[in-house]
């Protein structure tokens, strides 16, 4: 065992040295070894099968794979100097850009005096952040609970709805995506994610997204047979389903239905929130306030993982006041380092009108995507979305994969949805330049032209 530990120390000494070394000073031999190590370790220690889905492995990179090693602004950089315009944006994480210097400065300053919290003393940044959230969210949303990942935030929202309403049933939608923990995946609207884990949370009914009458019938019928509904959970725009925008007025009508039947309304704004769709929160576009709202992705400024929920005061019942730990007590939730990132992110977004920037640059990017779609109707079926939450739907999954692979070869990073490439999302950073947007459009045109030739369309 002692010899084994000595080898582990030796191996990790090398890794720590690489972390501390400027990438330009890592030798070609070391880089080649890092690629080989990564491919081997993903297959043998991370997740067998993971690599076959990655364009970064199936690309024409001389090294056999692209390892991400640096990032800045609108770009991701591979270990061997590959420079990608990031149009994936971590599925919405990097609204403020990669390693935004103003946010990074605050996080480094916080790290210099404290990282995590004691779990017993009062941590002031949590209070400052909660107050700021109450001030930048719509209506009378007030009480915050901070978590680490999106699915965890959804779990807290589901639990809170049951405590506050006494109901047990949930209404979700077909095509919905709310995460992959047990409660969150129960709300999900795609069989691929649900079937392996069935039966899950049993009192869940799925209705057609965008159809308010379906929602009304589901709640009315459940109540008619004596079942009490706790909550409706909705994405204001469905992300993983392919950037599906519901009909105008849908969110408002669902709000009215929930009020009529005494049901809590949960909006999952983890991907749509924090400015990405052109308003700070997507629900603001329809003037609707939920009872509970989840947030995440860009909330940590692309630097720290932090998510959470915010709710109306009426949802924080006496039961929770008497036992604050009842809802949850995540060890790392709302830690000082993560809170410092979120505080700096909100400040940066307000000072630089990031929602407005997303709206303006989104119009420019969408117009370019639509132009390419008009040129290549045999490749592209539809362009949709708003702000910097956009998507291209192709006629088939194979066409989508071929085109996205062509974009990747031209150093534009995108990714599919619903575990396939029939629809690929464009969620670039808000700091992307107009020149980069033009370059993305030109490279998409070239990729589509190649797809037509390769697939004989």
Protein backbone atom coordinates (compact mmCIF):
# COMPACT_ATOMS: atom_id res chain seq x y z
CA UNK A 1 0.00 0.00 0.00
CA UNK A 2 2.89 2.33 0.85
CA UNK A 3 4.47 1.79 -2.58
CA UNK A 4 1.12 2.42 -4.24
CA UNK A 5 0.72 5.71 -2.39
CA UNK A 6 4.23 6.73 -3.40
CA UNK A 7 3.27 6.20 -7.04
CA UNK A 8 0.06 8.20 -6.60
CA UNK A 9 2.07 11.07 -5.09
CA UNK A 10 4.54 10.89 -7.97
CA UNK A 11 1.74 10.94 -10.56
CA UNK A 12 -0.05 13.84 -8.89
CA UNK A 13 3.18 15.80 -8.51
CA UNK A 14 3.35 15.76 -12.30
CA UNK A 15 -0.29 16.90 -12.62
CA UNK A 16 0.18 19.73 -10.10
CA UNK A 17 3.28 20.87 -11.98
CA UNK A 18 1.27 20.95 -15.23
CA UNK A 19 -1.43 23.03 -13.56
CA UNK A 20 1.19 25.51 -12.40
CA UNK A 21 2.95 25.67 -15.78
CA UNK A 22 2.08 28.21 -18.48
CA UNK A 23 0.67 26.23 -21.40
CA UNK A 24 3.31 27.57 -23.80
CA UNK A 25 5.97 26.03 -21.56
CA UNK A 26 4.44 22.55 -21.61
CA UNK A 27 6.54 20.52 -24.04
CA UNK A 28 5.07 18.79 -27.12
CA UNK A 29 5.96 15.42 -25.58
CA UNK A 30 4.11 16.30 -22.37
CA UNK A 31 1.06 17.46 -24.35
CA UNK A 32 1.04 14.24 -26.35
CA UNK A 33 1.19 12.27 -23.10
CA UNK A 34 -1.66 14.32 -21.61
CA UNK A 35 -3.89 13.46 -24.60
CA UNK A 36 -3.05 9.75 -24.29
CA UNK A 37 -3.61 9.84 -20.52
CA UNK A 38 -6.96 11.60 -20.88
CA UNK A 39 -8.32 9.17 -23.48
CA UNK A 40 -7.23 6.21 -21.37
CA UNK A 41 -8.50 7.60 -18.08
CA UNK A 42 -11.92 8.61 -19.44
CA UNK A 43 -12.42 5.05 -20.71
CA UNK A 44 -11.10 3.34 -17.61
CA UNK A 45 -11.87 5.68 -14.71
CA UNK A 46 -14.50 8.24 -15.74
CA UNK A 47 -17.19 6.82 -18.03
CA UNK A 48 -16.80 4.06 -20.64
CA UNK A 49 -18.68 5.20 -23.73
CA UNK A 50 -18.35 8.92 -23.01
CA UNK A 51 -15.69 9.50 -25.64
CA UNK A 52 -17.66 8.20 -28.60
CA UNK A 53 -20.15 11.09 -28.28
CA UNK A 54 -17.50 13.82 -28.30
CA UNK A 55 -16.67 15.76 -31.46
CA UNK A 56 -13.43 16.71 -29.69
CA UNK A 57 -12.31 13.08 -30.09
CA UNK A 58 -13.71 12.36 -33.55
CA UNK A 59 -12.17 15.55 -34.98
CA UNK A 60 -9.17 15.83 -37.29
CA UNK A 61 -6.90 17.11 -34.54
CA UNK A 62 -3.35 15.93 -35.15
CA UNK A 63 -3.08 14.96 -31.51
CA UNK A 64 -6.15 12.69 -31.77
CA UNK A 65 -8.31 14.74 -29.42
CA UNK A 66 -8.80 18.29 -28.23
CA UNK A 67 -8.19 18.85 -24.53
CA UNK A 68 -9.56 22.12 -23.18
CA UNK A 69 -6.91 23.88 -21.14
CA UNK A 70 -7.53 27.63 -21.23
CA UNK A 71 -10.42 30.01 -21.79
CA UNK A 72 -10.95 33.75 -21.98
CA UNK A 73 -13.73 36.06 -23.13
CA UNK A 74 -15.66 34.48 -26.01
CA UNK A 75 -13.16 31.68 -26.58
CA UNK A 76 -12.10 28.22 -25.44
CA UNK A 77 -8.55 27.08 -26.15
CA UNK A 78 -7.30 23.55 -26.64
CA UNK A 79 -4.05 22.31 -25.14
CA UNK A 80 -2.33 22.52 -28.52
CA UNK A 81 -3.42 26.08 -29.16
CA UNK A 82 -6.75 25.39 -30.89
CA UNK A 83 -8.94 28.52 -30.59
CA UNK A 84 -12.72 27.99 -30.62
CA UNK A 85 -15.44 30.62 -30.81
CA UNK A 86 -17.69 29.31 -28.06
CA UNK A 87 -21.27 29.13 -29.35
CA UNK A 88 -22.20 26.45 -26.83
CA UNK A 89 -21.50 28.60 -23.79
CA UNK A 90 -21.62 25.62 -21.45
CA UNK A 91 -25.39 25.43 -22.21
CA UNK A 92 -25.77 28.91 -20.78
CA UNK A 93 -23.00 29.15 -18.18
CA UNK A 94 -20.81 31.74 -19.88
CA UNK A 95 -23.16 34.67 -20.45
CA UNK A 96 -20.55 37.03 -18.94
CA UNK A 97 -17.74 35.37 -20.87
CA UNK A 98 -15.00 32.97 -19.87
CA UNK A 99 -13.04 34.05 -16.80
CA UNK A 100 -14.59 37.51 -16.85
CA UNK A 101 -11.82 39.65 -15.29
CA UNK A 102 -14.16 41.76 -13.12
CA UNK A 103 -15.81 38.67 -11.63
CA UNK A 104 -12.54 36.74 -11.34
CA UNK A 105 -10.95 39.62 -9.41
CA UNK A 106 -13.70 39.49 -6.78
CA UNK A 107 -13.49 35.70 -6.45
CA UNK A 108 -9.70 35.84 -6.02
CA UNK A 109 -10.08 38.54 -3.36
CA UNK A 110 -12.60 36.37 -1.51
CA UNK A 111 -10.32 33.34 -1.76
CA UNK A 112 -7.51 35.35 -0.20
CA UNK A 113 -9.40 35.55 3.09
CA UNK A 114 -11.97 32.72 3.06
CA UNK A 115 -13.19 29.95 0.74
CA UNK A 116 -15.81 27.81 2.50
CA UNK A 117 -17.82 28.53 5.64
CA UNK A 118 -17.85 26.96 9.09
CA UNK A 119 -21.49 25.80 8.86
CA UNK A 120 -22.13 27.45 12.26
CA UNK A 121 -21.17 31.14 12.17
CA UNK A 122 -23.20 33.56 10.04
CA UNK A 123 -21.81 34.07 6.53
CA UNK A 124 -22.62 37.65 5.43
CA UNK A 125 -22.27 37.17 1.67
CA UNK A 126 -25.25 34.81 1.64
CA UNK A 127 -27.39 37.59 3.06
CA UNK A 128 -26.09 40.22 0.63
CA UNK A 129 -26.71 37.89 -2.31
CA UNK A 130 -30.22 36.96 -1.20
CA UNK A 131 -31.16 40.63 -0.86
CA UNK A 132 -29.79 41.38 -4.33
CA UNK A 133 -31.79 38.48 -5.78
CA UNK A 134 -34.98 39.77 -4.18
CA UNK A 135 -34.31 43.13 -5.83
CA UNK A 136 -33.60 41.88 -9.37
CA UNK A 137 -36.35 39.25 -9.62
CA UNK A 138 -39.96 40.06 -10.58
CA UNK A 139 -42.89 40.68 -8.25
CA UNK A 140 -42.66 39.79 -4.59
CA UNK A 141 -40.15 36.96 -4.81
CA UNK A 142 -38.10 37.27 -1.62
CA UNK A 143 -36.70 34.23 0.21
CA UNK A 144 -33.63 32.49 -1.24
CA UNK A 145 -32.12 29.04 -0.79
CA UNK A 146 -28.75 28.45 -2.45
CA UNK A 147 -27.62 25.13 -3.90
CA UNK A 148 -24.79 23.76 -6.05
CA UNK A 149 -26.31 22.35 -9.24
CA UNK A 150 -29.45 22.84 -11.28
CA UNK A 151 -31.07 19.53 -10.41
CA UNK A 152 -30.54 20.22 -6.71
CA UNK A 153 -32.31 23.57 -7.05
CA UNK A 154 -35.24 21.83 -8.76
CA UNK A 155 -35.41 19.27 -5.95
CA UNK A 156 -35.69 22.10 -3.41
CA UNK A 157 -38.43 23.76 -5.45
CA UNK A 158 -40.43 20.53 -5.62
CA UNK A 159 -40.06 19.93 -1.89
CA UNK A 160 -41.00 23.50 -1.05
CA UNK A 161 -44.17 23.27 -3.15
CA UNK A 162 -45.33 20.21 -1.23
CA UNK A 163 -44.61 21.77 2.14
CA UNK A 164 -46.30 25.05 1.26
CA UNK A 165 -49.44 23.70 -0.43
CA UNK A 166 -49.99 20.32 1.17
CA UNK A 167 -50.44 18.94 -2.34
CA UNK A 168 -48.70 15.83 -3.65
CA UNK A 169 -49.12 15.90 -7.44
CA UNK A 170 -47.00 17.77 -9.96
CA UNK A 171 -47.86 18.80 -13.51
CA UNK A 172 -44.95 18.97 -15.94
CA UNK A 173 -44.73 19.04 -19.73
CA UNK A 174 -43.72 16.75 -22.55
CA UNK A 175 -40.21 17.63 -23.68
CA UNK A 176 -39.31 19.25 -20.35
CA UNK A 177 -35.84 19.01 -18.87
CA UNK A 178 -35.24 19.85 -15.21
CA UNK A 179 -32.14 17.81 -14.36
CA UNK A 180 -31.23 14.19 -13.72
CA UNK A 181 -31.60 13.65 -9.98
CA UNK A 182 -34.54 11.44 -9.01
CA UNK A 183 -37.17 14.11 -8.44
CA UNK A 184 -35.96 16.29 -11.30
CA UNK A 185 -35.88 13.46 -13.82
CA UNK A 186 -39.38 12.49 -12.71
CA UNK A 187 -40.49 15.90 -13.97
CA UNK A 188 -38.58 15.41 -17.22
CA UNK A 189 -40.55 14.98 -20.40
CA UNK A 190 -38.33 12.62 -22.40
CA UNK A 191 -38.39 8.85 -22.08
CA UNK A 192 -34.64 8.48 -22.74
CA UNK A 193 -33.85 9.98 -19.33
CA UNK A 194 -36.84 8.53 -17.43
CA UNK A 195 -37.24 4.89 -18.49
CA UNK A 196 -34.07 3.47 -16.85
CA UNK A 197 -35.21 4.76 -13.44
CA UNK A 198 -38.94 3.99 -13.47
CA UNK A 199 -40.87 3.96 -11.24
CA UNK A 200 -39.87 7.37 -9.95
CA UNK A 201 -41.89 10.03 -8.13
CA UNK A 202 -45.30 8.65 -8.97
CA UNK A 203 -47.61 11.64 -8.66
CA UNK A 204 -46.50 13.38 -11.86
CA UNK A 205 -48.62 14.07 -14.91
CA UNK A 206 -47.21 15.39 -18.18
CA UNK A 207 -49.18 17.62 -20.54
CA UNK A 208 -48.43 19.19 -23.90
CA UNK A 209 -46.09 22.19 -23.64
CA UNK A 210 -47.68 25.43 -24.79
CA UNK A 211 -51.23 24.11 -24.38
CA UNK A 212 -52.82 25.85 -21.40
CA UNK A 213 -56.09 23.99 -21.78
CA UNK A 214 -54.24 20.68 -21.30
CA UNK A 215 -52.87 22.11 -18.07
CA UNK A 216 -56.30 23.17 -16.87
CA UNK A 217 -57.85 19.77 -17.63
CA UNK A 218 -55.09 17.87 -15.86
CA UNK A 219 -55.44 19.88 -12.66
CA UNK A 220 -59.25 19.91 -12.77
CA UNK A 221 -59.46 16.15 -13.32
CA UNK A 222 -57.03 15.35 -10.51
CA UNK A 223 -58.89 17.57 -8.08
CA UNK A 224 -62.22 16.06 -9.19
CA UNK A 225 -61.07 12.65 -7.96
CA UNK A 226 -59.72 14.00 -4.68
CA UNK A 227 -56.04 14.45 -5.56
CA UNK A 228 -54.39 17.73 -4.50
CA UNK A 229 -51.86 19.26 -6.90
CA UNK A 230 -48.78 20.84 -5.32
CA UNK A 231 -47.22 22.56 -8.32
CA UNK A 232 -46.91 23.14 -12.01
CA UNK A 233 -43.27 23.23 -13.14
CA UNK A 234 -42.34 24.89 -16.44
CA UNK A 235 -39.36 26.15 -18.40
CA UNK A 236 -40.40 29.55 -19.82
CA UNK A 237 -38.54 28.37 -22.93
CA UNK A 238 -37.77 24.66 -23.22
CA UNK A 239 -34.01 24.34 -23.61
CA UNK A 240 -33.05 20.69 -23.95
CA UNK A 241 -36.16 20.07 -26.06
CA UNK A 242 -34.62 22.31 -28.72
CA UNK A 243 -35.30 25.92 -27.67
CA UNK A 244 -39.09 25.73 -27.85
CA UNK A 245 -40.83 29.07 -27.23
CA UNK A 246 -44.46 28.68 -26.11
CA UNK A 247 -47.30 30.73 -27.65
CA UNK A 248 -47.55 34.32 -26.46
CA UNK A 249 -49.75 34.52 -23.38
CA UNK A 250 -49.15 30.90 -22.36
CA UNK A 251 -47.23 31.69 -19.18
CA UNK A 252 -49.83 34.23 -18.13
CA UNK A 253 -52.68 31.79 -18.69
CA UNK A 254 -50.90 29.08 -16.69
CA UNK A 255 -50.42 31.63 -13.88
CA UNK A 256 -54.19 32.27 -13.89
CA UNK A 257 -54.95 28.53 -13.84
CA UNK A 258 -52.63 27.98 -10.87
CA UNK A 259 -54.27 30.88 -9.00
CA UNK A 260 -57.73 29.48 -9.76
CA UNK A 261 -56.94 26.03 -8.38
CA UNK A 262 -54.55 27.00 -5.55
CA UNK A 263 -51.51 25.39 -7.17
CA UNK A 264 -47.94 26.68 -6.82
CA UNK A 265 -46.24 27.76 -10.05
CA UNK A 266 -42.54 26.93 -10.46
CA UNK A 267 -40.55 28.50 -13.28
CA UNK A 268 -37.27 26.78 -14.06
CA UNK A 269 -35.12 29.72 -15.19
CA UNK A 270 -31.80 27.91 -14.77
CA UNK A 271 -30.97 28.29 -18.46
CA UNK A 272 -33.31 31.11 -19.53
CA UNK A 273 -32.49 33.46 -16.66
CA UNK A 274 -29.64 35.88 -15.92
CA UNK A 275 -30.12 37.88 -19.09
CA UNK A 276 -29.67 35.20 -21.73
CA UNK A 277 -33.02 35.65 -23.50
CA UNK A 278 -32.96 39.47 -23.57
CA UNK A 279 -34.57 40.17 -20.21
CA UNK A 280 -33.00 39.37 -16.84
CA UNK A 281 -35.64 36.63 -16.42
CA UNK A 282 -37.65 35.17 -19.29
CA UNK A 283 -40.91 35.33 -17.31
CA UNK A 284 -40.55 39.13 -17.30
CA UNK A 285 -41.19 39.10 -21.06
CA UNK A 286 -44.80 38.15 -20.27
CA UNK A 287 -45.09 40.04 -17.01
CA UNK A 288 -45.60 36.85 -14.97
CA UNK A 289 -44.26 36.08 -11.49
CA UNK A 290 -44.05 32.46 -10.31
CA UNK A 291 -44.39 31.34 -6.71
CA UNK A 292 -40.97 29.66 -6.87
CA UNK A 293 -38.18 30.27 -9.37
CA UNK A 294 -35.00 28.26 -9.90
CA UNK A 295 -31.81 29.83 -11.27
CA UNK A 296 -28.27 28.74 -12.06
CA UNK A 297 -25.99 28.30 -15.10
CA UNK A 298 -24.72 31.90 -15.59
CA UNK A 299 -25.47 32.80 -11.96
CA UNK A 300 -21.87 32.05 -10.89
CA UNK A 301 -20.41 34.17 -13.67
CA UNK A 302 -18.89 31.17 -15.43
CA UNK A 303 -16.39 30.89 -12.58
CA UNK A 304 -18.11 29.20 -9.61
CA UNK A 305 -20.95 26.66 -9.49
CA UNK A 306 -23.93 28.13 -7.65
CA UNK A 307 -27.68 27.70 -8.15
CA UNK A 308 -30.76 28.18 -6.05
CA UNK A 309 -34.42 29.03 -5.65
CA UNK A 310 -36.29 32.18 -4.70
CA UNK A 311 -39.90 32.15 -3.54
CA UNK A 312 -42.78 34.35 -2.46
CA UNK A 313 -43.07 34.91 1.32
CA UNK A 314 -46.31 32.88 1.48
CA UNK A 315 -44.36 29.76 0.44
CA UNK A 316 -42.06 29.93 3.47
CA UNK A 317 -44.51 28.40 5.91
CA UNK A 318 -44.37 28.25 9.69
CA UNK A 319 -43.13 24.67 9.42
CA UNK A 320 -39.97 25.94 7.70
CA UNK A 321 -39.59 28.84 10.12
CA UNK A 322 -39.73 26.38 13.02
CA UNK A 323 -37.26 24.02 11.33
CA UNK A 324 -35.03 25.85 8.81
CA UNK A 325 -33.12 22.64 8.03
CA UNK A 326 -36.24 20.79 6.88
CA UNK A 327 -36.02 21.89 3.24
CA UNK A 328 -32.36 20.95 2.93
CA UNK A 329 -28.88 21.64 4.26
CA UNK A 330 -26.32 21.28 1.45
CA UNK A 331 -22.82 21.48 2.90
CA UNK A 332 -21.51 23.68 0.10
CA UNK A 333 -24.71 25.49 -0.82
CA UNK A 334 -24.29 29.28 -0.70
CA UNK A 335 -20.63 29.07 0.32
CA UNK A 336 -18.70 32.38 0.48
CA UNK A 337 -16.60 31.74 -2.63
CA UNK A 338 -19.63 30.91 -4.77
CA UNK A 339 -21.63 33.82 -3.33
CA UNK A 340 -18.80 36.24 -4.14
CA UNK A 341 -18.95 35.10 -7.77
CA UNK A 342 -22.74 35.54 -7.96
CA UNK A 343 -22.58 38.99 -6.32
CA UNK A 344 -19.92 40.13 -8.79
CA UNK A 345 -21.93 38.62 -11.66
CA UNK A 346 -25.11 40.53 -10.78
CA UNK A 347 -23.14 43.76 -10.45
CA UNK A 348 -21.45 43.21 -13.83
CA UNK A 349 -24.74 42.33 -15.55
CA UNK A 350 -26.54 45.41 -14.26
CA UNK A 351 -23.66 47.80 -14.98
CA UNK A 352 -23.25 46.50 -18.53
CA UNK A 353 -26.94 45.83 -19.34
CA UNK A 354 -26.17 42.22 -20.25
CA UNK A 355 -29.85 41.42 -20.96
CA UNK A 356 -29.90 44.27 -23.49
CA UNK A 357 -26.61 43.09 -25.00
CA UNK A 358 -28.02 39.55 -25.35
CA UNK A 359 -31.11 40.95 -27.08
CA UNK A 360 -29.10 43.04 -29.56
CA UNK A 361 -26.44 40.46 -30.39
CA UNK A 362 -29.09 37.75 -30.49
CA UNK A 363 -30.95 39.61 -33.23
CA UNK A 364 -27.74 39.88 -35.24
CA UNK A 365 -26.84 36.21 -34.81
CA UNK A 366 -30.38 34.99 -35.50
CA UNK A 367 -30.58 37.06 -38.70
CA UNK A 368 -27.34 35.45 -39.87
CA UNK A 369 -28.56 31.93 -39.04
CA UNK A 370 -31.81 32.59 -40.91
CA UNK A 371 -29.83 33.80 -43.93
CA UNK A 372 -27.88 30.53 -44.03
CA UNK A 373 -31.12 28.56 -43.55
CA UNK A 374 -32.58 30.30 -46.60
CA UNK A 375 -29.47 29.41 -48.64
CA UNK A 376 -29.49 25.76 -47.55
CA UNK A 377 -33.13 24.68 -47.10
CA UNK A 378 -32.12 21.05 -47.80
CA UNK A 379 -29.91 21.18 -44.69
CA UNK A 380 -31.72 23.46 -42.23
CA UNK A 381 -35.37 23.02 -41.34
CA UNK A 382 -35.87 25.90 -38.89
CA UNK A 383 -34.10 28.59 -36.87
CA UNK A 384 -35.72 29.64 -33.59
CA UNK A 385 -35.06 31.27 -30.25
CA UNK A 386 -34.63 34.68 -28.69
CA UNK A 387 -31.72 36.66 -27.31
CA UNK A 388 -28.63 34.48 -27.19
CA UNK A 389 -30.65 31.30 -26.69
CA UNK A 390 -30.97 30.14 -30.29
CA UNK A 391 -31.23 26.83 -32.12
CA UNK A 392 -31.00 25.38 -35.61
CA UNK A 393 -33.12 22.33 -36.38
CA UNK A 394 -31.91 20.14 -39.22
CA UNK A 395 -33.95 17.73 -41.31
CA UNK A 396 -32.28 14.69 -39.73
CA UNK A 397 -29.95 13.92 -36.86
CA UNK A 398 -27.23 12.80 -39.30
CA UNK A 399 -27.37 16.10 -41.18
CA UNK A 400 -27.12 17.96 -37.88
CA UNK A 401 -24.14 15.93 -36.70
CA UNK A 402 -22.30 16.33 -40.01
CA UNK A 403 -22.86 20.10 -39.93
CA UNK A 404 -21.91 20.51 -36.27
CA UNK A 405 -18.79 18.43 -36.92
CA UNK A 406 -18.00 20.80 -39.79
CA UNK A 407 -18.41 23.76 -37.44
CA UNK A 408 -16.13 22.09 -34.90
CA UNK A 409 -13.46 21.55 -37.58
CA UNK A 410 -13.73 25.29 -38.29
CA UNK A 411 -13.26 26.06 -34.60
CA UNK A 412 -16.88 26.91 -33.72
CA UNK A 413 -18.12 25.03 -30.66
CA UNK A 414 -21.78 23.95 -30.60
CA UNK A 415 -23.70 20.94 -29.29
CA UNK A 416 -26.94 19.06 -29.86
CA UNK A 417 -30.01 18.59 -27.72
CA UNK A 418 -32.05 15.59 -26.60
CA UNK A 419 -28.89 13.45 -26.84
CA UNK A 420 -28.79 13.88 -30.61
CA UNK A 421 -27.81 16.50 -33.16
CA UNK A 422 -31.11 17.10 -35.00
CA UNK A 423 -31.18 20.42 -33.19
CA UNK A 424 -28.03 22.26 -32.17
CA UNK A 425 -28.01 25.19 -29.79
CA UNK A 426 -26.22 28.50 -30.20
CA UNK A 427 -25.69 30.06 -26.77
CA UNK A 428 -22.55 32.19 -27.12
CA UNK A 429 -21.22 34.59 -24.53
CA UNK A 430 -22.61 38.11 -24.35
CA UNK A 431 -19.05 39.39 -24.87
CA UNK A 432 -18.87 37.82 -28.34
CA UNK A 433 -17.87 40.48 -30.89
CA UNK A 434 -19.85 41.36 -34.00
CA UNK A 435 -16.86 40.18 -36.05
CA UNK A 436 -16.97 36.80 -34.32
CA UNK A 437 -20.69 36.57 -35.10
CA UNK A 438 -19.92 37.24 -38.77
CA UNK A 439 -17.19 34.60 -38.67
CA UNK A 440 -19.60 32.06 -37.15
CA UNK A 441 -22.12 32.69 -39.93
CA UNK A 442 -19.44 32.32 -42.64
CA UNK A 443 -18.19 29.08 -41.10
CA UNK A 444 -21.75 27.76 -40.85
CA UNK A 445 -22.23 28.48 -44.57
CA UNK A 446 -19.06 26.53 -45.33
CA UNK A 447 -20.12 23.63 -43.07
CA UNK A 448 -23.55 23.48 -44.74
CA UNK A 449 -21.92 23.46 -48.19
CA UNK A 450 -19.73 20.54 -47.11
CA UNK A 451 -22.74 18.70 -45.68
CA UNK A 452 -24.56 19.02 -49.02
CA UNK A 453 -21.56 17.47 -50.81
CA UNK A 454 -20.80 14.72 -48.26
CA UNK A 455 -24.44 13.62 -47.92
CA UNK A 456 -25.38 14.27 -51.54
CA UNK A 457 -28.36 16.40 -50.58
